[in-house]
């Protein structure tokens, strides 16, 4: 069977909780794959996503944080995570933001599994720093680096496009053509009606 895992944020400790749940289920059930449902996931701690990705690949860079001078800080998967040796599918939508998009970028760029759904939010600007202003009484916080995917792409303001485009209500069934994670998960798309083409009339 395929196990579907949905969570609304990459909060501290969530990766270990998910991996434990998969291990517990695997002890009593034969799993043939894992489906991560990150639709509506508002982000959180990017390292949690790197721990999860480490269950599918080792020795790989998910993305890099680069400054204006081109100096980059690679963000790598966690090689301490035990590999699951299972296929993986990830469901996304425009509610997947920040650390969630870093996770989706890793899935797509590292070819870890199918990315299905709609384009992510495009809100992944990179880590922010606090800068003191000249009046010494106030400060401003904004990103000091930008996130660059493993294939060199910018996600902020653009989002991560899925390999298989499917419209869906959040946490609801997916709709659209193409292969799906499970036959029961995918509802057929209703064909669009063709608009009548006006004809020219001669007098």
C-alpha atoms as a PDB file:
ATOM      1  CA  UNK A   1       0.000   0.000   0.000  1.00  0.00           C
ATOM      2  CA  UNK A   2       0.957   3.661  -0.391  1.00  0.00           C
ATOM      3  CA  UNK A   3       1.050   5.741   2.784  1.00  0.00           C
ATOM      4  CA  UNK A   4      -0.110   9.367   2.531  1.00  0.00           C
ATOM      5  CA  UNK A   5       1.497  11.837   4.955  1.00  0.00           C
ATOM      6  CA  UNK A   6       0.093  15.360   5.319  1.00  0.00           C
ATOM      7  CA  UNK A   7       1.411  18.112   7.609  1.00  0.00           C
ATOM      8  CA  UNK A   8       0.762  21.857   7.649  1.00  0.00           C
ATOM      9  CA  UNK A   9       4.225  23.121   8.656  1.00  0.00           C
ATOM     10  CA  UNK A  10       7.864  22.086   8.844  1.00  0.00           C
ATOM     11  CA  UNK A  11       7.861  22.643  12.587  1.00  0.00           C
ATOM     12  CA  UNK A  12      10.801  21.522  14.775  1.00  0.00           C
ATOM     13  CA  UNK A  13      10.824  17.739  15.176  1.00  0.00           C
ATOM     14  CA  UNK A  14       8.177  17.033  12.526  1.00  0.00           C
ATOM     15  CA  UNK A  15      10.570  15.115  10.250  1.00  0.00           C
ATOM     16  CA  UNK A  16      11.462  12.605  12.967  1.00  0.00           C
ATOM     17  CA  UNK A  17       7.778  12.213  13.848  1.00  0.00           C
ATOM     18  CA  UNK A  18       6.931  11.473  10.214  1.00  0.00           C
ATOM     19  CA  UNK A  19       9.783   9.013   9.783  1.00  0.00           C
ATOM     20  CA  UNK A  20       8.796   7.236  13.001  1.00  0.00           C
ATOM     21  CA  UNK A  21       5.188   6.979  11.830  1.00  0.00           C
ATOM     22  CA  UNK A  22       6.377   5.470   8.541  1.00  0.00           C
ATOM     23  CA  UNK A  23       8.654   3.024  10.377  1.00  0.00           C
ATOM     24  CA  UNK A  24       5.849   1.990  12.739  1.00  0.00           C
ATOM     25  CA  UNK A  25       3.497   1.393   9.833  1.00  0.00           C
ATOM     26  CA  UNK A  26       6.147  -0.453   7.896  1.00  0.00           C
ATOM     27  CA  UNK A  27       6.580  -2.849  10.816  1.00  0.00           C
ATOM     28  CA  UNK A  28       3.023  -4.111  10.341  1.00  0.00           C
ATOM     29  CA  UNK A  29       2.272  -3.317   6.684  1.00  0.00           C
ATOM     30  CA  UNK A  30       4.018  -3.738   3.351  1.00  0.00           C
ATOM     31  CA  UNK A  31       4.529  -0.245   1.974  1.00  0.00           C
ATOM     32  CA  UNK A  32       5.021   0.311  -1.733  1.00  0.00           C
ATOM     33  CA  UNK A  33       5.483   4.084  -1.574  1.00  0.00           C
ATOM     34  CA  UNK A  34       5.002   7.321   0.349  1.00  0.00           C
ATOM     35  CA  UNK A  35       2.875  10.337  -0.611  1.00  0.00           C
ATOM     36  CA  UNK A  36       3.770  13.642   1.040  1.00  0.00           C
ATOM     37  CA  UNK A  37       0.818  16.024   0.974  1.00  0.00           C
ATOM     38  CA  UNK A  38       2.261  19.503   1.545  1.00  0.00           C
ATOM     39  CA  UNK A  39      -0.684  21.434   0.134  1.00  0.00           C
ATOM     40  CA  UNK A  40      -1.268  24.417   2.394  1.00  0.00           C
ATOM     41  CA  UNK A  41       2.037  23.869   4.205  1.00  0.00           C
ATOM     42  CA  UNK A  42       3.128  27.330   5.380  1.00  0.00           C
ATOM     43  CA  UNK A  43       6.836  26.469   5.763  1.00  0.00           C
ATOM     44  CA  UNK A  44       8.926  26.561   8.919  1.00  0.00           C
ATOM     45  CA  UNK A  45      12.369  25.057   9.517  1.00  0.00           C
ATOM     46  CA  UNK A  46      14.100  24.136   6.253  1.00  0.00           C
ATOM     47  CA  UNK A  47      16.353  21.613   8.021  1.00  0.00           C
ATOM     48  CA  UNK A  48      13.266  19.502   8.741  1.00  0.00           C
ATOM     49  CA  UNK A  49      12.732  19.128   5.011  1.00  0.00           C
ATOM     50  CA  UNK A  50      16.396  18.222   4.551  1.00  0.00           C
ATOM     51  CA  UNK A  51      15.980  15.434   7.113  1.00  0.00           C
ATOM     52  CA  UNK A  52      13.001  14.047   5.197  1.00  0.00           C
ATOM     53  CA  UNK A  53      14.779  14.288   1.853  1.00  0.00           C
ATOM     54  CA  UNK A  54      17.674  12.390   3.431  1.00  0.00           C
ATOM     55  CA  UNK A  55      15.355   9.374   3.616  1.00  0.00           C
ATOM     56  CA  UNK A  56      15.416   9.222  -0.194  1.00  0.00           C
ATOM     57  CA  UNK A  57      18.905  10.378  -1.191  1.00  0.00           C
ATOM     58  CA  UNK A  58      22.308  11.028   0.397  1.00  0.00           C
ATOM     59  CA  UNK A  59      25.236  13.264  -0.551  1.00  0.00           C
ATOM     60  CA  UNK A  60      23.089  15.848  -2.352  1.00  0.00           C
ATOM     61  CA  UNK A  61      22.470  19.599  -2.186  1.00  0.00           C
ATOM     62  CA  UNK A  62      18.826  20.685  -2.003  1.00  0.00           C
ATOM     63  CA  UNK A  63      19.493  24.374  -2.703  1.00  0.00           C
ATOM     64  CA  UNK A  64      21.974  27.108  -1.832  1.00  0.00           C
ATOM     65  CA  UNK A  65      21.673  30.467  -0.094  1.00  0.00           C
ATOM     66  CA  UNK A  66      23.699  32.968  -2.125  1.00  0.00           C
ATOM     67  CA  UNK A  67      24.568  36.595  -1.378  1.00  0.00           C
ATOM     68  CA  UNK A  68      24.969  39.515  -3.776  1.00  0.00           C
ATOM     69  CA  UNK A  69      28.662  38.713  -4.261  1.00  0.00           C
ATOM     70  CA  UNK A  70      27.924  35.168  -5.420  1.00  0.00           C
ATOM     71  CA  UNK A  71      29.081  33.474  -2.233  1.00  0.00           C
ATOM     72  CA  UNK A  72      26.829  30.489  -1.622  1.00  0.00           C
ATOM     73  CA  UNK A  73      26.027  28.316   1.389  1.00  0.00           C
ATOM     74  CA  UNK A  74      24.873  24.866   0.189  1.00  0.00           C
ATOM     75  CA  UNK A  75      21.920  23.342   2.046  1.00  0.00           C
ATOM     76  CA  UNK A  76      22.392  19.592   1.981  1.00  0.00           C
ATOM     77  CA  UNK A  77      20.175  16.636   2.757  1.00  0.00           C
ATOM     78  CA  UNK A  78      20.732  14.967   6.115  1.00  0.00           C
ATOM     79  CA  UNK A  79      22.936  11.941   5.428  1.00  0.00           C
ATOM     80  CA  UNK A  80      22.241  10.657   8.952  1.00  0.00           C
ATOM     81  CA  UNK A  81      18.675   9.801   7.939  1.00  0.00           C
ATOM     82  CA  UNK A  82      18.259   6.140   7.082  1.00  0.00           C
ATOM     83  CA  UNK A  83      17.224   5.581   3.475  1.00  0.00           C
ATOM     84  CA  UNK A  84      13.692   4.231   3.067  1.00  0.00           C
ATOM     85  CA  UNK A  85      14.239   2.736  -0.414  1.00  0.00           C
ATOM     86  CA  UNK A  86      10.651   3.599  -1.331  1.00  0.00           C
ATOM     87  CA  UNK A  87       9.212   5.634  -4.220  1.00  0.00           C
ATOM     88  CA  UNK A  88       7.807   9.023  -3.263  1.00  0.00           C
ATOM     89  CA  UNK A  89       5.185  11.414  -4.614  1.00  0.00           C
ATOM     90  CA  UNK A  90       4.633  14.982  -3.359  1.00  0.00           C
ATOM     91  CA  UNK A  91       1.371  16.930  -3.676  1.00  0.00           C
ATOM     92  CA  UNK A  92       1.740  20.732  -3.832  1.00  0.00           C
ATOM     93  CA  UNK A  93      -0.340  23.870  -4.300  1.00  0.00           C
ATOM     94  CA  UNK A  94      -0.021  27.645  -3.983  1.00  0.00           C
ATOM     95  CA  UNK A  95      -0.243  27.339  -0.193  1.00  0.00           C
ATOM     96  CA  UNK A  96       3.148  25.601  -0.059  1.00  0.00           C
ATOM     97  CA  UNK A  97       5.574  28.380   0.924  1.00  0.00           C
ATOM     98  CA  UNK A  98       9.064  29.069   2.275  1.00  0.00           C
ATOM     99  CA  UNK A  99      10.598  25.873   3.723  1.00  0.00           C
ATOM    100  CA  UNK A 100       7.884  23.880   1.972  1.00  0.00           C
ATOM    101  CA  UNK A 101       9.121  25.240  -1.349  1.00  0.00           C
ATOM    102  CA  UNK A 102      12.686  24.287  -0.458  1.00  0.00           C
ATOM    103  CA  UNK A 103      11.396  20.737   0.055  1.00  0.00           C
ATOM    104  CA  UNK A 104       9.482  20.797  -3.257  1.00  0.00           C
ATOM    105  CA  UNK A 105      12.560  22.168  -5.040  1.00  0.00           C
ATOM    106  CA  UNK A 106      14.621  19.271  -3.707  1.00  0.00           C
ATOM    107  CA  UNK A 107      12.048  16.698  -4.794  1.00  0.00           C
ATOM    108  CA  UNK A 108      11.968  18.113  -8.318  1.00  0.00           C
ATOM    109  CA  UNK A 109      15.621  18.995  -8.907  1.00  0.00           C
ATOM    110  CA  UNK A 110      17.001  15.803  -7.368  1.00  0.00           C
ATOM    111  CA  UNK A 111      14.444  13.656  -9.237  1.00  0.00           C
ATOM    112  CA  UNK A 112      13.227  12.008  -6.048  1.00  0.00           C
ATOM    113  CA  UNK A 113       9.656  11.508  -7.212  1.00  0.00           C
ATOM    114  CA  UNK A 114       6.734  13.069  -9.023  1.00  0.00           C
ATOM    115  CA  UNK A 115       5.651  16.572  -8.005  1.00  0.00           C
ATOM    116  CA  UNK A 116       1.903  16.792  -8.565  1.00  0.00           C
ATOM    117  CA  UNK A 117      -0.558  19.655  -8.101  1.00  0.00           C
ATOM    118  CA  UNK A 118      -0.157  23.364  -8.814  1.00  0.00           C
ATOM    119  CA  UNK A 119       2.713  25.848  -8.654  1.00  0.00           C
ATOM    120  CA  UNK A 120       3.900  26.717  -5.145  1.00  0.00           C
ATOM    121  CA  UNK A 121       3.566  30.171  -3.570  1.00  0.00           C
ATOM    122  CA  UNK A 122       6.887  31.651  -4.677  1.00  0.00           C
ATOM    123  CA  UNK A 123       7.705  32.948  -1.195  1.00  0.00           C
ATOM    124  CA  UNK A 124      11.208  31.640  -0.534  1.00  0.00           C
ATOM    125  CA  UNK A 125      13.504  34.656  -0.324  1.00  0.00           C
ATOM    126  CA  UNK A 126      16.205  33.092   1.835  1.00  0.00           C
ATOM    127  CA  UNK A 127      17.355  33.688   5.425  1.00  0.00           C
ATOM    128  CA  UNK A 128      16.777  37.161   6.873  1.00  0.00           C
ATOM    129  CA  UNK A 129      19.015  39.287   9.094  1.00  0.00           C
ATOM    130  CA  UNK A 130      18.302  42.188  11.419  1.00  0.00           C
ATOM    131  CA  UNK A 131      20.084  45.426  10.490  1.00  0.00           C
ATOM    132  CA  UNK A 132      20.373  48.360  12.898  1.00  0.00           C
ATOM    133  CA  UNK A 133      19.508  51.785  11.482  1.00  0.00           C
ATOM    134  CA  UNK A 134      21.612  54.927  11.916  1.00  0.00           C
ATOM    135  CA  UNK A 135      19.361  56.350  14.644  1.00  0.00           C
ATOM    136  CA  UNK A 136      20.443  53.461  16.921  1.00  0.00           C
ATOM    137  CA  UNK A 137      16.851  53.036  18.083  1.00  0.00           C
ATOM    138  CA  UNK A 138      15.318  50.961  15.319  1.00  0.00           C
ATOM    139  CA  UNK A 139      16.179  48.104  13.001  1.00  0.00           C
ATOM    140  CA  UNK A 140      14.985  46.542   9.789  1.00  0.00           C
ATOM    141  CA  UNK A 141      14.829  42.859   8.913  1.00  0.00           C
ATOM    142  CA  UNK A 142      15.225  41.587   5.365  1.00  0.00           C
ATOM    143  CA  UNK A 143      16.923  38.708   3.520  1.00  0.00           C
ATOM    144  CA  UNK A 144      20.698  38.829   3.177  1.00  0.00           C
ATOM    145  CA  UNK A 145      20.796  35.873   0.765  1.00  0.00           C
ATOM    146  CA  UNK A 146      18.523  34.412  -1.875  1.00  0.00           C
ATOM    147  CA  UNK A 147      17.617  30.784  -2.392  1.00  0.00           C
ATOM    148  CA  UNK A 148      18.932  29.118  -5.550  1.00  0.00           C
ATOM    149  CA  UNK A 149      17.735  25.643  -6.503  1.00  0.00           C
ATOM    150  CA  UNK A 150      20.061  22.743  -7.293  1.00  0.00           C
ATOM    151  CA  UNK A 151      19.523  23.441 -11.003  1.00  0.00           C
ATOM    152  CA  UNK A 152      20.326  27.133 -10.575  1.00  0.00           C
ATOM    153  CA  UNK A 153      16.724  28.364 -10.586  1.00  0.00           C
ATOM    154  CA  UNK A 154      15.233  31.133  -8.423  1.00  0.00           C
ATOM    155  CA  UNK A 155      12.056  30.157  -6.564  1.00  0.00           C
ATOM    156  CA  UNK A 156      11.176  33.442  -4.822  1.00  0.00           C
ATOM    157  CA  UNK A 157       8.488  35.285  -6.753  1.00  0.00           C
ATOM    158  CA  UNK A 158       8.137  32.373  -9.169  1.00  0.00           C
ATOM    159  CA  UNK A 159       7.334  29.199  -7.242  1.00  0.00           C
ATOM    160  CA  UNK A 160       8.085  25.576  -8.025  1.00  0.00           C
ATOM    161  CA  UNK A 161       6.145  24.263 -11.029  1.00  0.00           C
ATOM    162  CA  UNK A 162       4.929  20.673 -10.629  1.00  0.00           C
ATOM    163  CA  UNK A 163       5.865  18.057 -13.156  1.00  0.00           C
ATOM    164  CA  UNK A 164       2.207  17.014 -13.336  1.00  0.00           C
ATOM    165  CA  UNK A 165      -0.221  19.951 -13.214  1.00  0.00           C
ATOM    166  CA  UNK A 166      -3.397  19.184 -11.283  1.00  0.00           C
ATOM    167  CA  UNK A 167      -6.007  21.563  -9.892  1.00  0.00           C
ATOM    168  CA  UNK A 168      -7.278  20.625  -6.434  1.00  0.00           C
ATOM    169  CA  UNK A 169      -9.145  21.855  -3.407  1.00  0.00           C
ATOM    170  CA  UNK A 170      -6.700  21.909  -0.510  1.00  0.00           C
ATOM    171  CA  UNK A 171      -6.564  18.443   1.039  1.00  0.00           C
ATOM    172  CA  UNK A 172      -9.198  17.407  -1.524  1.00  0.00           C
ATOM    173  CA  UNK A 173      -9.033  15.235  -4.651  1.00  0.00           C
ATOM    174  CA  UNK A 174      -6.769  16.176  -7.514  1.00  0.00           C
ATOM    175  CA  UNK A 175      -8.122  16.846 -10.985  1.00  0.00           C
ATOM    176  CA  UNK A 176      -6.324  16.665 -14.277  1.00  0.00           C
ATOM    177  CA  UNK A 177      -4.612  14.456 -16.836  1.00  0.00           C
ATOM    178  CA  UNK A 178      -1.522  12.354 -16.317  1.00  0.00           C
ATOM    179  CA  UNK A 179      -0.344   9.651 -13.913  1.00  0.00           C
ATOM    180  CA  UNK A 180      -1.325   9.911 -10.266  1.00  0.00           C
ATOM    181  CA  UNK A 181       0.006   8.534  -7.013  1.00  0.00           C
ATOM    182  CA  UNK A 182      -2.958   6.225  -6.503  1.00  0.00           C
ATOM    183  CA  UNK A 183      -5.813   5.319  -8.801  1.00  0.00           C
ATOM    184  CA  UNK A 184      -8.380   6.269  -6.173  1.00  0.00           C
ATOM    185  CA  UNK A 185      -6.870   9.713  -5.582  1.00  0.00           C
ATOM    186  CA  UNK A 186      -7.393  11.096  -9.050  1.00  0.00           C
ATOM    187  CA  UNK A 187     -10.699  12.274 -10.418  1.00  0.00           C
ATOM    188  CA  UNK A 188     -11.021  12.748 -14.196  1.00  0.00           C
ATOM    189  CA  UNK A 189     -11.091  16.307 -15.444  1.00  0.00           C
ATOM    190  CA  UNK A 190     -14.302  17.422 -17.119  1.00  0.00           C
ATOM    191  CA  UNK A 191     -13.567  18.326 -20.758  1.00  0.00           C
ATOM    192  CA  UNK A 192     -13.857  22.038 -21.463  1.00  0.00           C
ATOM    193  CA  UNK A 193     -16.692  23.052 -23.722  1.00  0.00           C
ATOM    194  CA  UNK A 194     -15.680  24.633 -27.002  1.00  0.00           C
ATOM    195  CA  UNK A 195     -17.010  28.111 -27.589  1.00  0.00           C
ATOM    196  CA  UNK A 196     -18.927  28.566 -30.837  1.00  0.00           C
ATOM    197  CA  UNK A 197     -16.910  30.290 -33.532  1.00  0.00           C
ATOM    198  CA  UNK A 198     -18.813  33.203 -35.143  1.00  0.00           C
ATOM    199  CA  UNK A 199     -19.267  32.898 -38.885  1.00  0.00           C
ATOM    200  CA  UNK A 200     -19.076  35.737 -41.342  1.00  0.00           C
ATOM    201  CA  UNK A 201     -22.282  36.393 -43.306  1.00  0.00           C
ATOM    202  CA  UNK A 202     -22.382  38.012 -46.706  1.00  0.00           C
ATOM    203  CA  UNK A 203     -25.245  40.263 -47.710  1.00  0.00           C
END
